[in-house]
């Protein structure tokens, strides 16, 4: 949910956007940065793994950036936000399908 709203709001407001839930790995941080977040908060991951986990995530982020030839986070922040996509309606359709796929019916109820 946070990623979806960050991707929608990126570039449409001058406010700083921060993701505050579900960030445990470099991959999680990368996805949210691509959506357009300015900051990721990793409280749960740090409580679980300790402060050294920041280094692990940072190294994973740097490795991914090297693999994709990015020298700074600014070069890829918001690349998959709604405003960056040529046809924003495709963004909405993809999110709608993801929501439908994640929906679970009550026991005994079939689609």
PDB file of N, CA and C in Angstrom:
ATOM      1  N   UNK A   1       0.822  -1.188   0.000  1.00  0.00           N
ATOM      2  CA  UNK A   1       0.000   0.000   0.000  1.00  0.00           C
ATOM      3  C   UNK A   1       0.872   1.260   0.000  1.00  0.00           C
ATOM      4  N   UNK A   2       1.908   1.266   0.838  1.00  0.00           N
ATOM      5  CA  UNK A   2       2.782   2.448   0.896  1.00  0.00           C
ATOM      6  C   UNK A   2       3.437   2.689  -0.456  1.00  0.00           C
ATOM      7  N   UNK A   3       3.897   1.616  -1.094  1.00  0.00           N
ATOM      8  CA  UNK A   3       4.569   1.772  -2.384  1.00  0.00           C
ATOM      9  C   UNK A   3       3.621   2.364  -3.425  1.00  0.00           C
ATOM     10  N   UNK A   4       2.396   1.915  -3.424  1.00  0.00           N
ATOM     11  CA  UNK A   4       1.408   2.415  -4.395  1.00  0.00           C
ATOM     12  C   UNK A   4       1.190   3.915  -4.211  1.00  0.00           C
ATOM     13  N   UNK A   5       0.990   4.350  -2.969  1.00  0.00           N
ATOM     14  CA  UNK A   5       0.725   5.770  -2.736  1.00  0.00           C
ATOM     15  C   UNK A   5       1.950   6.626  -2.974  1.00  0.00           C
ATOM     16  N   UNK A   6       3.110   6.118  -2.672  1.00  0.00           N
ATOM     17  CA  UNK A   6       4.340   6.871  -2.967  1.00  0.00           C
ATOM     18  C   UNK A   6       4.487   7.036  -4.470  1.00  0.00           C
ATOM     19  N   UNK A   7       4.216   5.966  -5.221  1.00  0.00           N
ATOM     20  CA  UNK A   7       4.318   6.034  -6.681  1.00  0.00           C
ATOM     21  C   UNK A   7       3.301   7.007  -7.264  1.00  0.00           C
ATOM     22  N   UNK A   8       2.142   7.121  -6.648  1.00  0.00           N
ATOM     23  CA  UNK A   8       1.124   8.067  -7.125  1.00  0.00           C
ATOM     24  C   UNK A   8       1.504   9.501  -6.767  1.00  0.00           C
ATOM     25  N   UNK A   9       2.011   9.721  -5.566  1.00  0.00           N
ATOM     26  CA  UNK A   9       2.292  11.080  -5.092  1.00  0.00           C
ATOM     27  C   UNK A   9       3.626  11.650  -5.572  1.00  0.00           C
ATOM     28  N   UNK A  10       4.570  10.780  -5.916  1.00  0.00           N
ATOM     29  CA  UNK A  10       5.889  11.268  -6.343  1.00  0.00           C
ATOM     30  C   UNK A  10       5.751  12.246  -7.521  1.00  0.00           C
ATOM     31  N   UNK A  11       6.381  13.404  -7.381  1.00  0.00           N
ATOM     32  CA  UNK A  11       6.356  14.409  -8.437  1.00  0.00           C
ATOM     33  C   UNK A  11       5.106  15.267  -8.467  1.00  0.00           C
ATOM     34  N   UNK A  12       4.151  14.968  -7.597  1.00  0.00           N
ATOM     35  CA  UNK A  12       2.902  15.726  -7.565  1.00  0.00           C
ATOM     36  C   UNK A  12       2.801  16.614  -6.331  1.00  0.00           C
ATOM     37  N   UNK A  13       3.788  16.526  -5.467  1.00  0.00           N
ATOM     38  CA  UNK A  13       3.810  17.328  -4.252  1.00  0.00           C
ATOM     39  C   UNK A  13       5.253  17.709  -3.935  1.00  0.00           C
ATOM     40  N   UNK A  14       5.407  18.806  -3.242  1.00  0.00           N
ATOM     41  CA  UNK A  14       6.747  19.213  -2.831  1.00  0.00           C
ATOM     42  C   UNK A  14       7.106  18.615  -1.467  1.00  0.00           C
ATOM     43  N   UNK A  15       6.158  17.896  -0.877  1.00  0.00           N
ATOM     44  CA  UNK A  15       6.413  17.248   0.408  1.00  0.00           C
ATOM     45  C   UNK A  15       7.410  16.113   0.244  1.00  0.00           C
ATOM     46  N   UNK A  16       8.163  15.850   1.287  1.00  0.00           N
ATOM     47  CA  UNK A  16       9.070  14.710   1.303  1.00  0.00           C
ATOM     48  C   UNK A  16       8.258  13.456   1.603  1.00  0.00           C
ATOM     49  N   UNK A  17       8.489  12.394   0.845  1.00  0.00           N
ATOM     50  CA  UNK A  17       7.759  11.149   1.030  1.00  0.00           C
ATOM     51  C   UNK A  17       8.651  10.123   1.717  1.00  0.00           C
ATOM     52  N   UNK A  18       8.126   9.476   2.723  1.00  0.00           N
ATOM     53  CA  UNK A  18       8.884   8.462   3.447  1.00  0.00           C
ATOM     54  C   UNK A  18       8.074   7.201   3.615  1.00  0.00           C
ATOM     55  N   UNK A  19       8.726   6.065   3.417  1.00  0.00           N
ATOM     56  CA  UNK A  19       8.089   4.760   3.604  1.00  0.00           C
ATOM     57  C   UNK A  19       8.453   4.257   4.993  1.00  0.00           C
ATOM     58  N   UNK A  20       7.450   3.851   5.742  1.00  0.00           N
ATOM     59  CA  UNK A  20       7.695   3.508   7.138  1.00  0.00           C
ATOM     60  C   UNK A  20       7.307   2.080   7.504  1.00  0.00           C
ATOM     61  N   UNK A  21       7.056   1.246   6.524  1.00  0.00           N
ATOM     62  CA  UNK A  21       6.657  -0.117   6.869  1.00  0.00           C
ATOM     63  C   UNK A  21       7.156  -1.114   5.837  1.00  0.00           C
ATOM     64  N   UNK A  22       7.568  -2.280   6.300  1.00  0.00           N
ATOM     65  CA  UNK A  22       7.926  -3.370   5.403  1.00  0.00           C
ATOM     66  C   UNK A  22       9.292  -3.287   4.762  1.00  0.00           C
ATOM     67  N   UNK A  23      10.186  -2.471   5.274  1.00  0.00           N
ATOM     68  CA  UNK A  23      11.514  -2.350   4.683  1.00  0.00           C
ATOM     69  C   UNK A  23      12.500  -3.156   5.531  1.00  0.00           C
ATOM     70  N   UNK A  24      12.922  -4.300   4.996  1.00  0.00           N
ATOM     71  CA  UNK A  24      13.824  -5.184   5.724  1.00  0.00           C
ATOM     72  C   UNK A  24      15.097  -5.484   4.940  1.00  0.00           C
ATOM     73  N   UNK A  25      15.050  -5.298   3.629  1.00  0.00           N
ATOM     74  CA  UNK A  25      16.183  -5.667   2.771  1.00  0.00           C
ATOM     75  C   UNK A  25      16.508  -4.532   1.798  1.00  0.00           C
ATOM     76  N   UNK A  26      17.643  -4.675   1.132  1.00  0.00           N
ATOM     77  CA  UNK A  26      18.009  -3.710   0.094  1.00  0.00           C
ATOM     78  C   UNK A  26      16.961  -3.720  -1.009  1.00  0.00           C
ATOM     79  N   UNK A  27      16.446  -4.890  -1.348  1.00  0.00           N
ATOM     80  CA  UNK A  27      15.425  -4.990  -2.395  1.00  0.00           C
ATOM     81  C   UNK A  27      14.172  -4.191  -2.020  1.00  0.00           C
ATOM     82  N   UNK A  28      13.768  -4.274  -0.754  1.00  0.00           N
ATOM     83  CA  UNK A  28      12.611  -3.497  -0.296  1.00  0.00           C
ATOM     84  C   UNK A  28      12.872  -1.996  -0.469  1.00  0.00           C
ATOM     85  N   UNK A  29      14.047  -1.561  -0.069  1.00  0.00           N
ATOM     86  CA  UNK A  29      14.405  -0.144  -0.175  1.00  0.00           C
ATOM     87  C   UNK A  29      14.462   0.295  -1.637  1.00  0.00           C
ATOM     88  N   UNK A  30      15.038  -0.532  -2.485  1.00  0.00           N
ATOM     89  CA  UNK A  30      15.162  -0.208  -3.911  1.00  0.00           C
ATOM     90  C   UNK A  30      13.781  -0.031  -4.544  1.00  0.00           C
ATOM     91  N   UNK A  31      12.863  -0.947  -4.255  1.00  0.00           N
ATOM     92  CA  UNK A  31      11.512  -0.849  -4.815  1.00  0.00           C
ATOM     93  C   UNK A  31      10.848   0.465  -4.420  1.00  0.00           C
ATOM     94  N   UNK A  32      10.992   0.845  -3.165  1.00  0.00           N
ATOM     95  CA  UNK A  32      10.364   2.080  -2.701  1.00  0.00           C
ATOM     96  C   UNK A  32      11.058   3.314  -3.269  1.00  0.00           C
ATOM     97  N   UNK A  33      12.365   3.248  -3.436  1.00  0.00           N
ATOM     98  CA  UNK A  33      13.086   4.361  -4.065  1.00  0.00           C
ATOM     99  C   UNK A  33      12.669   4.505  -5.529  1.00  0.00           C
ATOM    100  N   UNK A  34      12.514   3.382  -6.221  1.00  0.00           N
ATOM    101  CA  UNK A  34      12.042   3.432  -7.604  1.00  0.00           C
ATOM    102  C   UNK A  34      10.634   4.033  -7.679  1.00  0.00           C
ATOM    103  N   UNK A  35       9.826   3.763  -6.679  1.00  0.00           N
ATOM    104  CA  UNK A  35       8.472   4.338  -6.634  1.00  0.00           C
ATOM    105  C   UNK A  35       8.516   5.833  -6.366  1.00  0.00           C
ATOM    106  N   UNK A  36       9.571   6.307  -5.675  1.00  0.00           N
ATOM    107  CA  UNK A  36       9.718   7.741  -5.457  1.00  0.00           C
ATOM    108  C   UNK A  36       9.893   8.195  -4.023  1.00  0.00           C
ATOM    109  N   UNK A  37      10.088   7.278  -3.083  1.00  0.00           N
ATOM    110  CA  UNK A  37      10.258   7.701  -1.697  1.00  0.00           C
ATOM    111  C   UNK A  37      11.559   8.478  -1.508  1.00  0.00           C
ATOM    112  N   UNK A  38      11.544   9.393  -0.558  1.00  0.00           N
ATOM    113  CA  UNK A  38      12.748  10.146  -0.220  1.00  0.00           C
ATOM    114  C   UNK A  38      13.520   9.471   0.895  1.00  0.00           C
ATOM    115  N   UNK A  39      12.820   8.678   1.700  1.00  0.00           N
ATOM    116  CA  UNK A  39      13.458   8.020   2.844  1.00  0.00           C
ATOM    117  C   UNK A  39      12.756   6.708   3.136  1.00  0.00           C
ATOM    118  N   UNK A  40      13.514   5.754   3.635  1.00  0.00           N
ATOM    119  CA  UNK A  40      12.939   4.500   4.123  1.00  0.00           C
ATOM    120  C   UNK A  40      13.276   4.377   5.606  1.00  0.00           C
ATOM    121  N   UNK A  41      12.302   3.919   6.360  1.00  0.00           N
ATOM    122  CA  UNK A  41      12.465   3.743   7.799  1.00  0.00           C
ATOM    123  C   UNK A  41      12.498   2.248   8.082  1.00  0.00           C
ATOM    124  N   UNK A  42      13.505   1.810   8.806  1.00  0.00           N
ATOM    125  CA  UNK A  42      13.718   0.383   8.996  1.00  0.00           C
ATOM    126  C   UNK A  42      13.724  -0.023  10.465  1.00  0.00           C
ATOM    127  N   UNK A  43      12.870   0.539  11.268  1.00  0.00           N
ATOM    128  CA  UNK A  43      12.889   0.289  12.707  1.00  0.00           C
ATOM    129  C   UNK A  43      12.773  -1.196  13.042  1.00  0.00           C
ATOM    130  N   UNK A  44      11.807  -1.881  12.477  1.00  0.00           N
ATOM    131  CA  UNK A  44      11.608  -3.300  12.798  1.00  0.00           C
ATOM    132  C   UNK A  44      12.814  -4.136  12.411  1.00  0.00           C
ATOM    133  N   UNK A  45      13.368  -3.876  11.220  1.00  0.00           N
ATOM    134  CA  UNK A  45      14.541  -4.634  10.769  1.00  0.00           C
ATOM    135  C   UNK A  45      15.733  -4.382  11.682  1.00  0.00           C
ATOM    136  N   UNK A  46      15.896  -3.152  12.144  1.00  0.00           N
ATOM    137  CA  UNK A  46      17.022  -2.834  13.026  1.00  0.00           C
ATOM    138  C   UNK A  46      16.827  -3.449  14.408  1.00  0.00           C
ATOM    139  N   UNK A  47      15.604  -3.476  14.888  1.00  0.00           N
ATOM    140  CA  UNK A  47      15.341  -4.131  16.169  1.00  0.00           C
ATOM    141  C   UNK A  47      15.606  -5.633  16.075  1.00  0.00           C
ATOM    142  N   UNK A  48      15.272  -6.225  14.931  1.00  0.00           N
ATOM    143  CA  UNK A  48      15.457  -7.658  14.738  1.00  0.00           C
ATOM    144  C   UNK A  48      16.918  -8.034  14.493  1.00  0.00           C
ATOM    145  N   UNK A  49      17.618  -7.235  13.666  1.00  0.00           N
ATOM    146  CA  UNK A  49      18.967  -7.606  13.230  1.00  0.00           C
ATOM    147  C   UNK A  49      20.077  -6.767  13.854  1.00  0.00           C
ATOM    148  N   UNK A  50      19.736  -5.689  14.509  1.00  0.00           N
ATOM    149  CA  UNK A  50      20.741  -4.815  15.100  1.00  0.00           C
ATOM    150  C   UNK A  50      21.173  -3.726  14.132  1.00  0.00           C
ATOM    151  N   UNK A  51      21.893  -2.730  14.655  1.00  0.00           N
ATOM    152  CA  UNK A  51      22.282  -1.574  13.836  1.00  0.00           C
ATOM    153  C   UNK A  51      23.202  -1.918  12.670  1.00  0.00           C
ATOM    154  N   UNK A  52      23.930  -3.022  12.752  1.00  0.00           N
ATOM    155  CA  UNK A  52      24.803  -3.429  11.649  1.00  0.00           C
ATOM    156  C   UNK A  52      24.044  -3.759  10.380  1.00  0.00           C
ATOM    157  N   UNK A  53      22.736  -3.961  10.513  1.00  0.00           N
ATOM    158  CA  UNK A  53      21.915  -4.290   9.345  1.00  0.00           C
ATOM    159  C   UNK A  53      21.858  -3.129   8.352  1.00  0.00           C
ATOM    160  N   UNK A  54      22.046  -1.914   8.830  1.00  0.00           N
ATOM    161  CA  UNK A  54      22.068  -0.753   7.933  1.00  0.00           C
ATOM    162  C   UNK A  54      23.169  -0.933   6.896  1.00  0.00           C
ATOM    163  N   UNK A  55      24.305  -1.396   7.326  1.00  0.00           N
ATOM    164  CA  UNK A  55      25.440  -1.630   6.416  1.00  0.00           C
ATOM    165  C   UNK A  55      25.082  -2.681   5.363  1.00  0.00           C
ATOM    166  N   UNK A  56      24.431  -3.751   5.786  1.00  0.00           N
ATOM    167  CA  UNK A  56      24.023  -4.811   4.859  1.00  0.00           C
ATOM    168  C   UNK A  56      23.100  -4.256   3.776  1.00  0.00           C
ATOM    169  N   UNK A  57      22.125  -3.471   4.188  1.00  0.00           N
ATOM    170  CA  UNK A  57      21.170  -2.889   3.233  1.00  0.00           C
ATOM    171  C   UNK A  57      21.874  -1.885   2.330  1.00  0.00           C
ATOM    172  N   UNK A  58      22.738  -1.060   2.902  1.00  0.00           N
ATOM    173  CA  UNK A  58      23.464  -0.061   2.101  1.00  0.00           C
ATOM    174  C   UNK A  58      24.343  -0.748   1.054  1.00  0.00           C
ATOM    175  N   UNK A  59      25.049  -1.822   1.452  1.00  0.00           N
ATOM    176  CA  UNK A  59      25.899  -2.540   0.499  1.00  0.00           C
ATOM    177  C   UNK A  59      25.060  -3.182  -0.607  1.00  0.00           C
ATOM    178  N   UNK A  60      23.898  -3.712  -0.258  1.00  0.00           N
ATOM    179  CA  UNK A  60      23.000  -4.281  -1.273  1.00  0.00           C
ATOM    180  C   UNK A  60      22.512  -3.214  -2.237  1.00  0.00           C
ATOM    181  N   UNK A  61      22.203  -2.055  -1.711  1.00  0.00           N
ATOM    182  CA  UNK A  61      21.775  -0.929  -2.547  1.00  0.00           C
ATOM    183  C   UNK A  61      22.903  -0.499  -3.483  1.00  0.00           C
ATOM    184  N   UNK A  62      24.113  -0.379  -2.952  1.00  0.00           N
ATOM    185  CA  UNK A  62      25.263   0.014  -3.773  1.00  0.00           C
ATOM    186  C   UNK A  62      25.551  -1.020  -4.855  1.00  0.00           C
ATOM    187  N   UNK A  63      25.433  -2.297  -4.524  1.00  0.00           N
ATOM    188  CA  UNK A  63      25.668  -3.363  -5.509  1.00  0.00           C
ATOM    189  C   UNK A  63      24.641  -3.272  -6.640  1.00  0.00           C
ATOM    190  N   UNK A  64      23.384  -3.076  -6.295  1.00  0.00           N
ATOM    191  CA  UNK A  64      22.339  -2.952  -7.308  1.00  0.00           C
ATOM    192  C   UNK A  64      22.588  -1.728  -8.184  1.00  0.00           C
ATOM    193  N   UNK A  65      22.984  -0.621  -7.560  1.00  0.00           N
ATOM    194  CA  UNK A  65      23.262   0.591  -8.323  1.00  0.00           C
ATOM    195  C   UNK A  65      24.420   0.366  -9.294  1.00  0.00           C
ATOM    196  N   UNK A  66      25.458  -0.326  -8.861  1.00  0.00           N
ATOM    197  CA  UNK A  66      26.582  -0.637  -9.748  1.00  0.00           C
ATOM    198  C   UNK A  66      26.132  -1.499 -10.924  1.00  0.00           C
ATOM    199  N   UNK A  67      25.325  -2.525 -10.637  1.00  0.00           N
ATOM    200  CA  UNK A  67      24.829  -3.417 -11.692  1.00  0.00           C
ATOM    201  C   UNK A  67      24.008  -2.675 -12.742  1.00  0.00           C
ATOM    202  N   UNK A  68      23.337  -1.612 -12.325  1.00  0.00           N
ATOM    203  CA  UNK A  68      22.467  -0.864 -13.235  1.00  0.00           C
ATOM    204  C   UNK A  68      23.062   0.485 -13.652  1.00  0.00           C
ATOM    205  N   UNK A  69      24.326   0.679 -13.348  1.00  0.00           N
ATOM    206  CA  UNK A  69      25.078   1.872 -13.752  1.00  0.00           C
ATOM    207  C   UNK A  69      24.491   3.179 -13.235  1.00  0.00           C
ATOM    208  N   UNK A  70      24.019   3.166 -12.000  1.00  0.00           N
ATOM    209  CA  UNK A  70      23.555   4.388 -11.355  1.00  0.00           C
ATOM    210  C   UNK A  70      24.632   4.863 -10.392  1.00  0.00           C
ATOM    211  N   UNK A  71      24.924   6.149 -10.438  1.00  0.00           N
ATOM    212  CA  UNK A  71      25.920   6.705  -9.535  1.00  0.00           C
ATOM    213  C   UNK A  71      25.300   7.342  -8.301  1.00  0.00           C
ATOM    214  N   UNK A  72      24.008   7.643  -8.365  1.00  0.00           N
ATOM    215  CA  UNK A  72      23.331   8.233  -7.213  1.00  0.00           C
ATOM    216  C   UNK A  72      21.894   7.752  -7.172  1.00  0.00           C
ATOM    217  N   UNK A  73      21.307   7.835  -6.003  1.00  0.00           N
ATOM    218  CA  UNK A  73      19.911   7.463  -5.826  1.00  0.00           C
ATOM    219  C   UNK A  73      19.017   8.382  -6.658  1.00  0.00           C
ATOM    220  N   UNK A  74      19.409   9.644  -6.776  1.00  0.00           N
ATOM    221  CA  UNK A  74      18.611  10.603  -7.551  1.00  0.00           C
ATOM    222  C   UNK A  74      18.421  10.164  -9.004  1.00  0.00           C
ATOM    223  N   UNK A  75      19.347   9.395  -9.534  1.00  0.00           N
ATOM    224  CA  UNK A  75      19.248   8.963 -10.931  1.00  0.00           C
ATOM    225  C   UNK A  75      18.109   7.979 -11.162  1.00  0.00           C
ATOM    226  N   UNK A  76      17.697   7.250 -10.129  1.00  0.00           N
ATOM    227  CA  UNK A  76      16.631   6.271 -10.329  1.00  0.00           C
ATOM    228  C   UNK A  76      15.398   6.494  -9.452  1.00  0.00           C
ATOM    229  N   UNK A  77      15.458   7.426  -8.522  1.00  0.00           N
ATOM    230  CA  UNK A  77      14.294   7.683  -7.661  1.00  0.00           C
ATOM    231  C   UNK A  77      13.105   8.094  -8.527  1.00  0.00           C
ATOM    232  N   UNK A  78      11.988   7.410  -8.330  1.00  0.00           N
ATOM    233  CA  UNK A  78      10.750   7.749  -9.030  1.00  0.00           C
ATOM    234  C   UNK A  78      10.644   7.214 -10.444  1.00  0.00           C
ATOM    235  N   UNK A  79      11.573   6.359 -10.868  1.00  0.00           N
ATOM    236  CA  UNK A  79      11.541   5.840 -12.248  1.00  0.00           C
ATOM    237  C   UNK A  79      10.295   5.029 -12.563  1.00  0.00           C
ATOM    238  N   UNK A  80       9.669   4.439 -11.554  1.00  0.00           N
ATOM    239  CA  UNK A  80       8.446   3.675 -11.816  1.00  0.00           C
ATOM    240  C   UNK A  80       7.235   4.325 -11.154  1.00  0.00           C
ATOM    241  N   UNK A  81       7.327   5.610 -10.869  1.00  0.00           N
ATOM    242  CA  UNK A  81       6.181   6.326 -10.309  1.00  0.00           C
ATOM    243  C   UNK A  81       5.143   6.546 -11.408  1.00  0.00           C
ATOM    244  N   UNK A  82       3.954   6.876 -11.002  1.00  0.00           N
ATOM    245  CA  UNK A  82       2.881   7.080 -11.967  1.00  0.00           C
ATOM    246  C   UNK A  82       3.207   8.200 -12.948  1.00  0.00           C
ATOM    247  N   UNK A  83       3.833   9.246 -12.478  1.00  0.00           N
ATOM    248  CA  UNK A  83       4.147  10.397 -13.321  1.00  0.00           C
ATOM    249  C   UNK A  83       5.225  10.071 -14.370  1.00  0.00           C
ATOM    250  N   UNK A  84       6.031   9.028 -14.112  1.00  0.00           N
ATOM    251  CA  UNK A  84       7.116   8.667 -15.019  1.00  0.00           C
ATOM    252  C   UNK A  84       6.673   7.708 -16.127  1.00  0.00           C
ATOM    253  N   UNK A  85       5.471   7.199 -16.027  1.00  0.00           N
ATOM    254  CA  UNK A  85       4.971   6.224 -16.991  1.00  0.00           C
ATOM    255  C   UNK A  85       4.220   6.971 -18.098  1.00  0.00           C
ATOM    256  N   UNK A  86       4.529   6.652 -19.368  1.00  0.00           N
ATOM    257  CA  UNK A  86       3.875   7.365 -20.475  1.00  0.00           C
ATOM    258  C   UNK A  86       2.346   7.317 -20.439  1.00  0.00           C
ATOM    259  N   UNK A  87       1.768   6.182 -20.044  1.00  0.00           N
ATOM    260  CA  UNK A  87       0.308   6.061 -19.980  1.00  0.00           C
ATOM    261  C   UNK A  87      -0.084   5.731 -18.540  1.00  0.00           C
ATOM    262  N   UNK A  88      -0.404   6.757 -17.724  1.00  0.00           N
ATOM    263  CA  UNK A  88      -0.742   6.532 -16.315  1.00  0.00           C
ATOM    264  C   UNK A  88      -1.896   5.555 -16.100  1.00  0.00           C
ATOM    265  N   UNK A  89      -2.777   5.402 -17.089  1.00  0.00           N
ATOM    266  CA  UNK A  89      -3.885   4.457 -16.913  1.00  0.00           C
ATOM    267  C   UNK A  89      -3.359   3.023 -16.813  1.00  0.00           C
ATOM    268  N   UNK A  90      -2.223   2.727 -17.452  1.00  0.00           N
ATOM    269  CA  UNK A  90      -1.610   1.404 -17.322  1.00  0.00           C
ATOM    270  C   UNK A  90      -1.182   1.152 -15.886  1.00  0.00           C
ATOM    271  N   UNK A  91      -0.674   2.180 -15.236  1.00  0.00           N
ATOM    272  CA  UNK A  91      -0.275   2.094 -13.832  1.00  0.00           C
ATOM    273  C   UNK A  91      -1.479   1.730 -12.976  1.00  0.00           C
ATOM    274  N   UNK A  92      -2.601   2.410 -13.202  1.00  0.00           N
ATOM    275  CA  UNK A  92      -3.811   2.142 -12.427  1.00  0.00           C
ATOM    276  C   UNK A  92      -4.334   0.740 -12.685  1.00  0.00           C
ATOM    277  N   UNK A  93      -4.339   0.293 -13.936  1.00  0.00           N
ATOM    278  CA  UNK A  93      -4.814  -1.059 -14.250  1.00  0.00           C
ATOM    279  C   UNK A  93      -3.953  -2.112 -13.565  1.00  0.00           C
ATOM    280  N   UNK A  94      -2.633  -1.928 -13.592  1.00  0.00           N
ATOM    281  CA  UNK A  94      -1.731  -2.887 -12.956  1.00  0.00           C
ATOM    282  C   UNK A  94      -1.986  -2.950 -11.454  1.00  0.00           C
ATOM    283  N   UNK A  95      -2.201  -1.808 -10.824  1.00  0.00           N
ATOM    284  CA  UNK A  95      -2.494  -1.800  -9.390  1.00  0.00           C
ATOM    285  C   UNK A  95      -3.833  -2.459  -9.097  1.00  0.00           C
ATOM    286  N   UNK A  96      -4.808  -2.234  -9.936  1.00  0.00           N
ATOM    287  CA  UNK A  96      -6.127  -2.850  -9.756  1.00  0.00           C
ATOM    288  C   UNK A  96      -6.007  -4.373  -9.825  1.00  0.00           C
ATOM    289  N   UNK A  97      -5.255  -4.873 -10.789  1.00  0.00           N
ATOM    290  CA  UNK A  97      -5.059  -6.319 -10.931  1.00  0.00           C
ATOM    291  C   UNK A  97      -4.328  -6.881  -9.719  1.00  0.00           C
ATOM    292  N   UNK A  98      -3.316  -6.171  -9.227  1.00  0.00           N
ATOM    293  CA  UNK A  98      -2.604  -6.624  -8.028  1.00  0.00           C
ATOM    294  C   UNK A  98      -3.534  -6.712  -6.827  1.00  0.00           C
ATOM    295  N   UNK A  99      -4.423  -5.746  -6.695  1.00  0.00           N
ATOM    296  CA  UNK A  99      -5.379  -5.766  -5.585  1.00  0.00           C
ATOM    297  C   UNK A  99      -6.307  -6.969  -5.718  1.00  0.00           C
ATOM    298  N   UNK A 100      -6.814  -7.209  -6.910  1.00  0.00           N
ATOM    299  CA  UNK A 100      -7.701  -8.359  -7.117  1.00  0.00           C
ATOM    300  C   UNK A 100      -6.972  -9.670  -6.828  1.00  0.00           C
ATOM    301  N   UNK A 101      -5.727  -9.777  -7.276  1.00  0.00           N
ATOM    302  CA  UNK A 101      -4.952 -10.993  -7.035  1.00  0.00           C
ATOM    303  C   UNK A 101      -4.703 -11.237  -5.556  1.00  0.00           C
ATOM    304  N   UNK A 102      -4.603 -10.177  -4.779  1.00  0.00           N
ATOM    305  CA  UNK A 102      -4.301 -10.330  -3.356  1.00  0.00           C
ATOM    306  C   UNK A 102      -5.543 -10.541  -2.504  1.00  0.00           C
ATOM    307  N   UNK A 103      -6.728 -10.400  -3.079  1.00  0.00           N
ATOM    308  CA  UNK A 103      -7.963 -10.526  -2.332  1.00  0.00           C
ATOM    309  C   UNK A 103      -8.233 -11.987  -2.012  1.00  0.00           C
ATOM    310  N   UNK A 104      -8.609 -12.269  -0.782  1.00  0.00           N
ATOM    311  CA  UNK A 104      -8.975 -13.638  -0.421  1.00  0.00           C
ATOM    312  C   UNK A 104     -10.429 -13.661   0.028  1.00  0.00           C
ATOM    313  N   UNK A 105     -11.128 -14.628  -0.450  1.00  0.00           N
ATOM    314  CA  UNK A 105     -12.529 -14.779  -0.112  1.00  0.00           C
ATOM    315  C   UNK A 105     -12.681 -15.497   1.222  1.00  0.00           C
ATOM    316  N   UNK A 106     -13.827 -15.344   1.829  1.00  0.00           N
ATOM    317  CA  UNK A 106     -14.128 -16.060   3.069  1.00  0.00           C
ATOM    318  C   UNK A 106     -14.129 -17.555   2.779  1.00  0.00           C
ATOM    319  N   UNK A 107     -13.816 -18.376   3.772  1.00  0.00           N
ATOM    320  CA  UNK A 107     -13.828 -19.826   3.548  1.00  0.00           C
ATOM    321  C   UNK A 107     -15.164 -20.286   2.964  1.00  0.00           C
ATOM    322  N   UNK A 108     -15.095 -21.115   1.952  1.00  0.00           N
ATOM    323  CA  UNK A 108     -16.302 -21.636   1.319  1.00  0.00           C
ATOM    324  C   UNK A 108     -16.849 -20.768   0.209  1.00  0.00           C
ATOM    325  N   UNK A 109     -16.330 -19.544   0.044  1.00  0.00           N
ATOM    326  CA  UNK A 109     -16.792 -18.644  -1.002  1.00  0.00           C
ATOM    327  C   UNK A 109     -15.818 -18.712  -2.159  1.00  0.00           C
ATOM    328  N   UNK A 110     -16.355 -18.893  -3.370  1.00  0.00           N
ATOM    329  CA  UNK A 110     -15.488 -18.954  -4.545  1.00  0.00           C
ATOM    330  C   UNK A 110     -15.790 -17.788  -5.474  1.00  0.00           C
ATOM    331  N   UNK A 111     -14.781 -17.406  -6.220  1.00  0.00           N
ATOM    332  CA  UNK A 111     -14.957 -16.297  -7.178  1.00  0.00           C
ATOM    333  C   UNK A 111     -15.688 -16.782  -8.407  1.00  0.00           C
TER     334      UNK A 111
END
